[in-house]
Amino acid sequence: MRDSIFFSYCREDHRWLDELKASLAGLGTEVRLNLWDDSRISPAAEWHREIDEALSTAAAAVLLLSPDFFASEFISKYELPPLLAAARRGELKLFPVIVSPCTDDQITAVFQAVNDPARPIATAPDAERQLVWKRLLEQVTAVGATIADETRITAEIIRLENDLAARPEIQAIEEKMKQAQVDPNLQGSYRENVNCFLEGRRCQARATALMEEMQRPELPPFRSTAIVRMMQVVQKAEEKALARATELTKLFADEAMQMLKEAKESSSKA
């Protein structure tokens, strides 16, 4: 589900991004803005997950084209291919902006640039640049107007799922669940009982994380609704795990009673 605007640019062109962001203030908070450049990459960061999420939830993408943009390995490898593919499939709108003279034909031959390629942003007078930003604002606003509330909520649920999946305490429980599936010491209903216990713990951890998120100030629009829906899903999953655990406990008790009964019968016969 796509509800955001993705900005693809190289760090060398950050000054033009800052100017663009100021002109997009009129968007308000109804449209989520995702700003990416290779400075956000670090060995410790889960940037693959973050950028995949940003790309997969983008309803439109603004490309600030320049020689540095096309020289960026990060952009050419991780951003452009999925953006161009999604745009060709009609899943998002692409808005190229010519920042400085470059070989932009590979993009602008298919997707019309917001400004005249012969009059790049970097050399345009201030008044002309403001007209370009105004035109872009109108186009992005039009995209935002087509995004239904349900789409925004679903996109927030996707982001929340990704956020929860990245939490260490939840990852630790899920790792134990994977180990339980292959542990030779766990057989039959005993393995299922262990999995029910771990599922209950995972549900509790997810519920705790969602409650913490709900308390965060200035939640993005529709995120609180997404949290409530996810809490309902988590609650149902926890109730299901508890019900199955109760059934298994009764099963164990019945089996134990049967074993005792058989043992008594065997002893009396002896």
C-alpha atoms as a PDB file:
ATOM      1  CA  MET A   1       0.000   0.000   0.000  1.00  0.00           C
ATOM      2  CA  ARG A   2       1.469   3.339  -1.094  1.00  0.00           C
ATOM      3  CA  ASP A   3       0.885   6.576   0.785  1.00  0.00           C
ATOM      4  CA  SER A   4       4.194   8.491   0.910  1.00  0.00           C
ATOM      5  CA  ILE A   5       6.496  10.622  -1.229  1.00  0.00           C
ATOM      6  CA  PHE A   6      10.040   9.311  -1.725  1.00  0.00           C
ATOM      7  CA  PHE A   7      12.858  11.781  -2.427  1.00  0.00           C
ATOM      8  CA  SER A   8      15.889  10.396  -4.215  1.00  0.00           C
ATOM      9  CA  TYR A   9      18.923  12.682  -4.239  1.00  0.00           C
ATOM     10  CA  CYS A  10      22.659  12.686  -3.618  1.00  0.00           C
ATOM     11  CA  ARG A  11      24.118  14.456  -0.627  1.00  0.00           C
ATOM     12  CA  GLU A  12      25.981  16.927  -2.863  1.00  0.00           C
ATOM     13  CA  ASP A  13      22.588  18.350  -3.890  1.00  0.00           C
ATOM     14  CA  HIS A  14      21.282  18.698  -0.349  1.00  0.00           C
ATOM     15  CA  ARG A  15      20.957  22.487  -0.642  1.00  0.00           C
ATOM     16  CA  TRP A  16      18.311  22.053  -3.349  1.00  0.00           C
ATOM     17  CA  LEU A  17      16.501  19.485  -1.244  1.00  0.00           C
ATOM     18  CA  ASP A  18      16.357  21.967   1.640  1.00  0.00           C
ATOM     19  CA  GLU A  19      14.865  24.586  -0.659  1.00  0.00           C
ATOM     20  CA  LEU A  20      12.378  22.052  -2.004  1.00  0.00           C
ATOM     21  CA  LYS A  21      11.346  20.929   1.493  1.00  0.00           C
ATOM     22  CA  ALA A  22      10.592  24.531   2.456  1.00  0.00           C
ATOM     23  CA  SER A  23       8.318  24.886  -0.558  1.00  0.00           C
ATOM     24  CA  LEU A  24       6.508  21.633   0.272  1.00  0.00           C
ATOM     25  CA  ALA A  25       5.459  22.860   3.703  1.00  0.00           C
ATOM     26  CA  GLY A  26       1.985  23.318   2.247  1.00  0.00           C
ATOM     27  CA  LEU A  27       1.561  19.556   2.136  1.00  0.00           C
ATOM     28  CA  GLY A  28       0.978  19.505   5.896  1.00  0.00           C
ATOM     29  CA  THR A  29       1.136  16.131   7.618  1.00  0.00           C
ATOM     30  CA  GLU A  30      -1.297  14.213   5.428  1.00  0.00           C
ATOM     31  CA  VAL A  31       1.480  12.993   3.125  1.00  0.00           C
ATOM     32  CA  ARG A  32       4.527  11.261   4.599  1.00  0.00           C
ATOM     33  CA  LEU A  33       7.889  12.399   3.194  1.00  0.00           C
ATOM     34  CA  ASN A  34      10.771   9.904   2.973  1.00  0.00           C
ATOM     35  CA  LEU A  35      14.169  11.516   2.375  1.00  0.00           C
ATOM     36  CA  TRP A  36      17.020   9.177   1.459  1.00  0.00           C
ATOM     37  CA  ASP A  37      20.686   9.530   0.576  1.00  0.00           C
ATOM     38  CA  ASP A  38      23.721   7.323   1.126  1.00  0.00           C
ATOM     39  CA  SER A  39      24.742   9.225   4.281  1.00  0.00           C
ATOM     40  CA  ARG A  40      22.079   7.183   6.113  1.00  0.00           C
ATOM     41  CA  ILE A  41      24.025   3.966   5.518  1.00  0.00           C
ATOM     42  CA  SER A  42      26.078   2.603   8.401  1.00  0.00           C
ATOM     43  CA  PRO A  43      27.230  -0.930   9.255  1.00  0.00           C
ATOM     44  CA  ALA A  44      25.037  -1.008  12.365  1.00  0.00           C
ATOM     45  CA  ALA A  45      21.878   0.308  10.733  1.00  0.00           C
ATOM     46  CA  GLU A  46      19.250  -1.944   9.167  1.00  0.00           C
ATOM     47  CA  TRP A  47      19.074   0.383   6.198  1.00  0.00           C
ATOM     48  CA  HIS A  48      18.102  -2.364   3.738  1.00  0.00           C
ATOM     49  CA  ARG A  49      14.841  -2.878   5.630  1.00  0.00           C
ATOM     50  CA  GLU A  50      14.271   0.857   5.974  1.00  0.00           C
ATOM     51  CA  ILE A  51      14.765   1.712   2.321  1.00  0.00           C
ATOM     52  CA  ASP A  52      12.766  -1.316   1.141  1.00  0.00           C
ATOM     53  CA  GLU A  53       9.894  -0.111   3.308  1.00  0.00           C
ATOM     54  CA  ALA A  54      10.211   3.459   2.022  1.00  0.00           C
ATOM     55  CA  LEU A  55      10.284   2.328  -1.606  1.00  0.00           C
ATOM     56  CA  SER A  56       7.416  -0.137  -1.261  1.00  0.00           C
ATOM     57  CA  THR A  57       5.112   2.431   0.397  1.00  0.00           C
ATOM     58  CA  ALA A  58       5.848   5.341  -1.973  1.00  0.00           C
ATOM     59  CA  ALA A  59       2.944   6.703  -4.013  1.00  0.00           C
ATOM     60  CA  ALA A  60       5.269   9.147  -5.778  1.00  0.00           C
ATOM     61  CA  ALA A  61       8.996   9.767  -6.093  1.00  0.00           C
ATOM     62  CA  VAL A  62      10.869  13.020  -6.656  1.00  0.00           C
ATOM     63  CA  LEU A  63      14.260  12.564  -8.333  1.00  0.00           C
ATOM     64  CA  LEU A  64      16.790  15.404  -8.103  1.00  0.00           C
ATOM     65  CA  LEU A  65      18.858  14.670 -11.215  1.00  0.00           C
ATOM     66  CA  SER A  66      22.483  15.768 -11.529  1.00  0.00           C
ATOM     67  CA  PRO A  67      25.833  14.234 -12.509  1.00  0.00           C
ATOM     68  CA  ASP A  68      26.404  13.334  -8.850  1.00  0.00           C
ATOM     69  CA  PHE A  69      22.985  11.664  -8.741  1.00  0.00           C
ATOM     70  CA  PHE A  70      23.851   9.356 -11.639  1.00  0.00           C
ATOM     71  CA  ALA A  71      27.368   8.769 -10.260  1.00  0.00           C
ATOM     72  CA  SER A  72      25.980   7.478  -6.958  1.00  0.00           C
ATOM     73  CA  GLU A  73      26.348   3.701  -6.750  1.00  0.00           C
ATOM     74  CA  PHE A  74      23.780   3.628  -3.961  1.00  0.00           C
ATOM     75  CA  ILE A  75      21.145   5.375  -6.079  1.00  0.00           C
ATOM     76  CA  SER A  76      21.830   3.364  -9.223  1.00  0.00           C
ATOM     77  CA  LYS A  77      21.849   0.058  -7.339  1.00  0.00           C
ATOM     78  CA  TYR A  78      19.198   0.416  -4.636  1.00  0.00           C
ATOM     79  CA  GLU A  79      16.858   3.286  -5.541  1.00  0.00           C
ATOM     80  CA  LEU A  80      16.437   3.764  -9.278  1.00  0.00           C
ATOM     81  CA  PRO A  81      15.672   0.157 -10.342  1.00  0.00           C
ATOM     82  CA  PRO A  82      12.695  -0.374  -8.005  1.00  0.00           C
ATOM     83  CA  LEU A  83      11.408   3.174  -8.537  1.00  0.00           C
ATOM     84  CA  LEU A  84      11.529   2.944 -12.333  1.00  0.00           C
ATOM     85  CA  ALA A  85       9.998  -0.533 -12.286  1.00  0.00           C
ATOM     86  CA  ALA A  86       7.122   0.591 -10.031  1.00  0.00           C
ATOM     87  CA  ALA A  87       6.546   3.695 -12.164  1.00  0.00           C
ATOM     88  CA  ARG A  88       6.392   1.595 -15.354  1.00  0.00           C
ATOM     89  CA  ARG A  89       3.842  -0.676 -13.673  1.00  0.00           C
ATOM     90  CA  GLY A  90       1.772   2.403 -12.835  1.00  0.00           C
ATOM     91  CA  GLU A  91       2.188   1.911  -9.080  1.00  0.00           C
ATOM     92  CA  LEU A  92       3.721   5.341  -8.413  1.00  0.00           C
ATOM     93  CA  LYS A  93       4.175   8.729 -10.037  1.00  0.00           C
ATOM     94  CA  LEU A  94       7.688   9.821 -10.923  1.00  0.00           C
ATOM     95  CA  PHE A  95       8.683  13.514 -10.850  1.00  0.00           C
ATOM     96  CA  PRO A  96      12.202  14.155 -12.211  1.00  0.00           C
ATOM     97  CA  VAL A  97      13.718  17.563 -11.428  1.00  0.00           C
ATOM     98  CA  ILE A  98      16.819  18.624 -13.384  1.00  0.00           C
ATOM     99  CA  VAL A  99      19.203  20.117 -10.820  1.00  0.00           C
ATOM    100  CA  SER A 100      22.208  20.534 -13.133  1.00  0.00           C
ATOM    101  CA  PRO A 101      23.057  19.457 -16.705  1.00  0.00           C
ATOM    102  CA  CYS A 102      23.350  15.678 -16.910  1.00  0.00           C
ATOM    103  CA  THR A 103      22.552  12.680 -19.069  1.00  0.00           C
ATOM    104  CA  ASP A 104      18.952  12.536 -17.916  1.00  0.00           C
ATOM    105  CA  ASP A 105      17.494  11.035 -21.095  1.00  0.00           C
ATOM    106  CA  GLN A 106      17.239   7.557 -19.575  1.00  0.00           C
ATOM    107  CA  ILE A 107      14.597   8.977 -17.232  1.00  0.00           C
ATOM    108  CA  THR A 108      13.138  12.090 -18.863  1.00  0.00           C
ATOM    109  CA  ALA A 109      12.616  10.306 -22.199  1.00  0.00           C
ATOM    110  CA  VAL A 110       9.920   8.280 -20.439  1.00  0.00           C
ATOM    111  CA  PHE A 111       8.888  10.453 -17.500  1.00  0.00           C
ATOM    112  CA  GLN A 112       8.390  14.176 -18.082  1.00  0.00           C
ATOM    113  CA  ALA A 113      10.618  16.436 -16.000  1.00  0.00           C
ATOM    114  CA  VAL A 114       9.026  19.017 -13.729  1.00  0.00           C
ATOM    115  CA  ASN A 115      11.301  21.728 -15.151  1.00  0.00           C
ATOM    116  CA  ASP A 116      12.791  22.378 -18.586  1.00  0.00           C
ATOM    117  CA  PRO A 117      16.026  20.305 -18.879  1.00  0.00           C
ATOM    118  CA  ALA A 118      17.568  23.292 -20.674  1.00  0.00           C
ATOM    119  CA  ARG A 119      16.984  25.413 -17.550  1.00  0.00           C
ATOM    120  CA  PRO A 120      18.302  23.383 -14.595  1.00  0.00           C
ATOM    121  CA  ILE A 121      17.581  24.414 -11.031  1.00  0.00           C
ATOM    122  CA  ALA A 122      21.213  25.141 -10.162  1.00  0.00           C
ATOM    123  CA  THR A 123      21.470  28.023 -12.648  1.00  0.00           C
ATOM    124  CA  ALA A 124      17.858  29.245 -12.591  1.00  0.00           C
ATOM    125  CA  PRO A 125      16.983  32.571 -10.928  1.00  0.00           C
ATOM    126  CA  ASP A 126      15.253  32.366  -7.559  1.00  0.00           C
ATOM    127  CA  ALA A 127      11.861  33.362  -8.960  1.00  0.00           C
ATOM    128  CA  GLU A 128      12.066  30.652 -11.619  1.00  0.00           C
ATOM    129  CA  ARG A 129      13.057  28.014  -9.061  1.00  0.00           C
ATOM    130  CA  GLN A 130      10.103  28.936  -6.889  1.00  0.00           C
ATOM    131  CA  LEU A 131       7.778  28.405  -9.855  1.00  0.00           C
ATOM    132  CA  VAL A 132       9.278  24.941 -10.376  1.00  0.00           C
ATOM    133  CA  TRP A 133       8.809  24.056  -6.697  1.00  0.00           C
ATOM    134  CA  LYS A 134       5.237  25.391  -6.833  1.00  0.00           C
ATOM    135  CA  ARG A 135       4.514  23.226  -9.872  1.00  0.00           C
ATOM    136  CA  LEU A 136       5.956  20.200  -8.077  1.00  0.00           C
ATOM    137  CA  LEU A 137       3.898  20.958  -4.964  1.00  0.00           C
ATOM    138  CA  GLU A 138       0.723  20.994  -7.070  1.00  0.00           C
ATOM    139  CA  GLN A 139       1.615  17.655  -8.671  1.00  0.00           C
ATOM    140  CA  VAL A 140       2.510  16.003  -5.371  1.00  0.00           C
ATOM    141  CA  THR A 141      -0.650  17.399  -3.753  1.00  0.00           C
ATOM    142  CA  ALA A 142      -2.687  15.854  -6.556  1.00  0.00           C
ATOM    143  CA  VAL A 143      -1.120  12.479  -5.807  1.00  0.00           C
ATOM    144  CA  GLY A 144      -1.845  12.887  -2.096  1.00  0.00           C
ATOM    145  CA  ALA A 145      -5.483  13.641  -2.833  1.00  0.00           C
ATOM    146  CA  THR A 146      -5.906  10.246  -4.511  1.00  0.00           C
ATOM    147  CA  ILE A 147      -4.670   8.278  -1.482  1.00  0.00           C
ATOM    148  CA  ALA A 148      -7.623   6.821   0.416  1.00  0.00           C
ATOM    149  CA  ASP A 149      -7.689   6.713   4.211  1.00  0.00           C
ATOM    150  CA  GLU A 150      -7.737   2.902   4.203  1.00  0.00           C
ATOM    151  CA  THR A 151      -4.592   2.867   2.063  1.00  0.00           C
ATOM    152  CA  ARG A 152      -2.828   5.147   4.541  1.00  0.00           C
ATOM    153  CA  ILE A 153      -3.839   2.940   7.469  1.00  0.00           C
ATOM    154  CA  THR A 154      -2.647  -0.208   5.698  1.00  0.00           C
ATOM    155  CA  ALA A 155       0.674   1.441   4.853  1.00  0.00           C
ATOM    156  CA  GLU A 156       1.114   2.381   8.517  1.00  0.00           C
ATOM    157  CA  ILE A 157       0.442  -1.238   9.491  1.00  0.00           C
ATOM    158  CA  ILE A 158       3.235  -2.323   7.132  1.00  0.00           C
ATOM    159  CA  ARG A 159       5.598   0.153   8.785  1.00  0.00           C
ATOM    160  CA  LEU A 160       4.568  -0.984  12.253  1.00  0.00           C
ATOM    161  CA  GLU A 161       5.140  -4.636  11.328  1.00  0.00           C
ATOM    162  CA  ASN A 162       8.626  -3.752  10.125  1.00  0.00           C
ATOM    163  CA  ASP A 163       9.309  -1.753  13.300  1.00  0.00           C
ATOM    164  CA  LEU A 164       8.230  -4.654  15.497  1.00  0.00           C
ATOM    165  CA  ALA A 165      10.267  -7.154  13.469  1.00  0.00           C
ATOM    166  CA  ALA A 166      13.381  -5.077  14.159  1.00  0.00           C
ATOM    167  CA  ARG A 167      12.976  -5.047  17.966  1.00  0.00           C
ATOM    168  CA  PRO A 168      15.644  -7.233  19.660  1.00  0.00           C
ATOM    169  CA  GLU A 169      13.287  -8.703  22.273  1.00  0.00           C
ATOM    170  CA  ILE A 170      10.888  -9.901  19.571  1.00  0.00           C
ATOM    171  CA  GLN A 171      13.707 -11.197  17.400  1.00  0.00           C
ATOM    172  CA  ALA A 172      15.019 -13.211  20.366  1.00  0.00           C
ATOM    173  CA  ILE A 173      11.633 -14.894  20.901  1.00  0.00           C
ATOM    174  CA  GLU A 174      11.244 -15.646  17.202  1.00  0.00           C
ATOM    175  CA  GLU A 175      14.713 -17.215  17.163  1.00  0.00           C
ATOM    176  CA  LYS A 176      13.646 -19.526  20.007  1.00  0.00           C
ATOM    177  CA  MET A 177      10.530 -20.428  18.018  1.00  0.00           C
ATOM    178  CA  LYS A 178      12.703 -21.409  15.043  1.00  0.00           C
ATOM    179  CA  GLN A 179      14.942 -23.505  17.300  1.00  0.00           C
ATOM    180  CA  ALA A 180      11.919 -25.262  18.803  1.00  0.00           C
ATOM    181  CA  GLN A 181      10.842 -26.378  15.326  1.00  0.00           C
ATOM    182  CA  VAL A 182      14.065 -28.365  14.812  1.00  0.00           C
ATOM    183  CA  ASP A 183      14.887 -29.385  18.399  1.00  0.00           C
ATOM    184  CA  PRO A 184      14.989 -33.229  18.415  1.00  0.00           C
ATOM    185  CA  ASN A 185      14.133 -33.238  22.133  1.00  0.00           C
ATOM    186  CA  LEU A 186      10.741 -31.717  21.410  1.00  0.00           C
ATOM    187  CA  GLN A 187       8.266 -34.154  19.945  1.00  0.00           C
ATOM    188  CA  GLY A 188       4.577 -34.059  19.075  1.00  0.00           C
ATOM    189  CA  SER A 189       2.267 -32.149  21.364  1.00  0.00           C
ATOM    190  CA  TYR A 190       5.149 -31.150  23.655  1.00  0.00           C
ATOM    191  CA  ARG A 191       6.717 -29.162  20.816  1.00  0.00           C
ATOM    192  CA  GLU A 192       3.355 -27.567  20.102  1.00  0.00           C
ATOM    193  CA  ASN A 193       3.001 -26.630  23.761  1.00  0.00           C
ATOM    194  CA  VAL A 194       6.417 -24.946  23.729  1.00  0.00           C
ATOM    195  CA  ASN A 195       5.433 -23.053  20.586  1.00  0.00           C
ATOM    196  CA  CYS A 196       2.181 -21.906  22.216  1.00  0.00           C
ATOM    197  CA  PHE A 197       4.142 -20.623  25.194  1.00  0.00           C
ATOM    198  CA  LEU A 198       6.586 -18.753  22.950  1.00  0.00           C
ATOM    199  CA  GLU A 199       3.753 -17.360  20.818  1.00  0.00           C
ATOM    200  CA  GLY A 200       2.165 -16.007  23.980  1.00  0.00           C
ATOM    201  CA  ARG A 201       5.456 -14.315  24.911  1.00  0.00           C
ATOM    202  CA  ARG A 202       5.783 -12.867  21.421  1.00  0.00           C
ATOM    203  CA  CYS A 203       2.248 -11.481  21.580  1.00  0.00           C
ATOM    204  CA  GLN A 204       3.005  -9.859  24.937  1.00  0.00           C
ATOM    205  CA  ALA A 205       6.211  -8.315  23.569  1.00  0.00           C
ATOM    206  CA  ARG A 206       4.383  -7.012  20.494  1.00  0.00           C
ATOM    207  CA  ALA A 207       1.567  -5.587  22.627  1.00  0.00           C
ATOM    208  CA  THR A 208       4.085  -3.829  24.897  1.00  0.00           C
ATOM    209  CA  ALA A 209       5.868  -2.318  21.889  1.00  0.00           C
ATOM    210  CA  LEU A 210       2.583  -1.128  20.391  1.00  0.00           C
ATOM    211  CA  MET A 211       1.501   0.494  23.660  1.00  0.00           C
ATOM    212  CA  GLU A 212       4.852   2.288  23.846  1.00  0.00           C
ATOM    213  CA  GLU A 213       4.362   3.496  20.276  1.00  0.00           C
ATOM    214  CA  MET A 214       0.845   4.738  21.082  1.00  0.00           C
ATOM    215  CA  GLN A 215       2.282   6.916  23.854  1.00  0.00           C
ATOM    216  CA  ARG A 216       4.759   8.567  21.493  1.00  0.00           C
ATOM    217  CA  PRO A 217       3.971  12.281  21.024  1.00  0.00           C
ATOM    218  CA  GLU A 218       2.976  13.595  17.605  1.00  0.00           C
ATOM    219  CA  LEU A 219       2.062  10.282  16.010  1.00  0.00           C
ATOM    220  CA  PRO A 220       1.888  10.451  12.185  1.00  0.00           C
ATOM    221  CA  PRO A 221      -1.653  10.608  10.808  1.00  0.00           C
ATOM    222  CA  PHE A 222      -3.453   7.246  10.726  1.00  0.00           C
ATOM    223  CA  ARG A 223      -0.733   5.559  12.796  1.00  0.00           C
ATOM    224  CA  SER A 224      -2.863   5.468  15.946  1.00  0.00           C
ATOM    225  CA  THR A 225      -5.636   3.719  14.010  1.00  0.00           C
ATOM    226  CA  ALA A 226      -3.089   1.243  12.669  1.00  0.00           C
ATOM    227  CA  ILE A 227      -1.832   0.584  16.214  1.00  0.00           C
ATOM    228  CA  VAL A 228      -5.354  -0.124  17.462  1.00  0.00           C
ATOM    229  CA  ARG A 229      -5.957  -2.582  14.618  1.00  0.00           C
ATOM    230  CA  MET A 230      -2.669  -4.335  15.268  1.00  0.00           C
ATOM    231  CA  MET A 231      -3.445  -4.543  18.975  1.00  0.00           C
ATOM    232  CA  GLN A 232      -6.691  -6.311  18.084  1.00  0.00           C
ATOM    233  CA  VAL A 233      -4.802  -8.788  15.895  1.00  0.00           C
ATOM    234  CA  VAL A 234      -2.223  -9.407  18.633  1.00  0.00           C
ATOM    235  CA  GLN A 235      -4.975  -9.926  21.210  1.00  0.00           C
ATOM    236  CA  LYS A 236      -6.694 -12.521  19.023  1.00  0.00           C
ATOM    237  CA  ALA A 237      -3.387 -14.327  18.427  1.00  0.00           C
ATOM    238  CA  GLU A 238      -2.671 -14.375  22.168  1.00  0.00           C
ATOM    239  CA  GLU A 239      -6.164 -15.701  22.947  1.00  0.00           C
ATOM    240  CA  LYS A 240      -5.728 -18.419  20.317  1.00  0.00           C
ATOM    241  CA  ALA A 241      -2.340 -19.441  21.761  1.00  0.00           C
ATOM    242  CA  LEU A 242      -3.769 -19.503  25.292  1.00  0.00           C
ATOM    243  CA  ALA A 243      -6.772 -21.575  24.230  1.00  0.00           C
ATOM    244  CA  ARG A 244      -4.545 -24.107  22.496  1.00  0.00           C
ATOM    245  CA  ALA A 245      -2.185 -24.225  25.472  1.00  0.00           C
ATOM    246  CA  THR A 246      -5.184 -24.960  27.722  1.00  0.00           C
ATOM    247  CA  GLU A 247      -6.263 -27.776  25.404  1.00  0.00           C
ATOM    248  CA  LEU A 248      -2.767 -29.252  25.434  1.00  0.00           C
ATOM    249  CA  THR A 249      -2.547 -29.021  29.219  1.00  0.00           C
ATOM    250  CA  LYS A 250      -5.820 -30.957  29.510  1.00  0.00           C
ATOM    251  CA  LEU A 251      -4.496 -33.465  26.984  1.00  0.00           C
ATOM    252  CA  PHE A 252      -1.329 -33.960  29.037  1.00  0.00           C
ATOM    253  CA  ALA A 253      -3.411 -34.393  32.185  1.00  0.00           C
ATOM    254  CA  ASP A 254      -5.662 -36.956  30.502  1.00  0.00           C
ATOM    255  CA  GLU A 255      -2.650 -38.845  29.187  1.00  0.00           C
ATOM    256  CA  ALA A 256      -1.053 -38.841  32.642  1.00  0.00           C
ATOM    257  CA  MET A 257      -4.244 -40.150  34.230  1.00  0.00           C
ATOM    258  CA  GLN A 258      -4.473 -42.879  31.608  1.00  0.00           C
ATOM    259  CA  MET A 259      -0.861 -43.862  32.245  1.00  0.00           C
ATOM    260  CA  LEU A 260      -1.530 -44.062  36.000  1.00  0.00           C
ATOM    261  CA  LYS A 261      -4.630 -46.134  35.388  1.00  0.00           C
ATOM    262  CA  GLU A 262      -2.743 -48.537  33.168  1.00  0.00           C
ATOM    263  CA  ALA A 263       0.065 -48.752  35.684  1.00  0.00           C
ATOM    264  CA  LYS A 264      -2.390 -49.632  38.474  1.00  0.00           C
ATOM    265  CA  GLU A 265      -4.082 -52.259  36.340  1.00  0.00           C
ATOM    266  CA  SER A 266      -0.737 -53.764  35.430  1.00  0.00           C
ATOM    267  CA  SER A 267       0.325 -53.760  39.075  1.00  0.00           C
ATOM    268  CA  SER A 268      -2.885 -55.447  40.232  1.00  0.00           C
ATOM    269  CA  LYS A 269      -2.527 -58.188  37.633  1.00  0.00           C
ATOM    270  CA  ALA A 270       1.022 -58.836  38.770  1.00  0.00           C
END
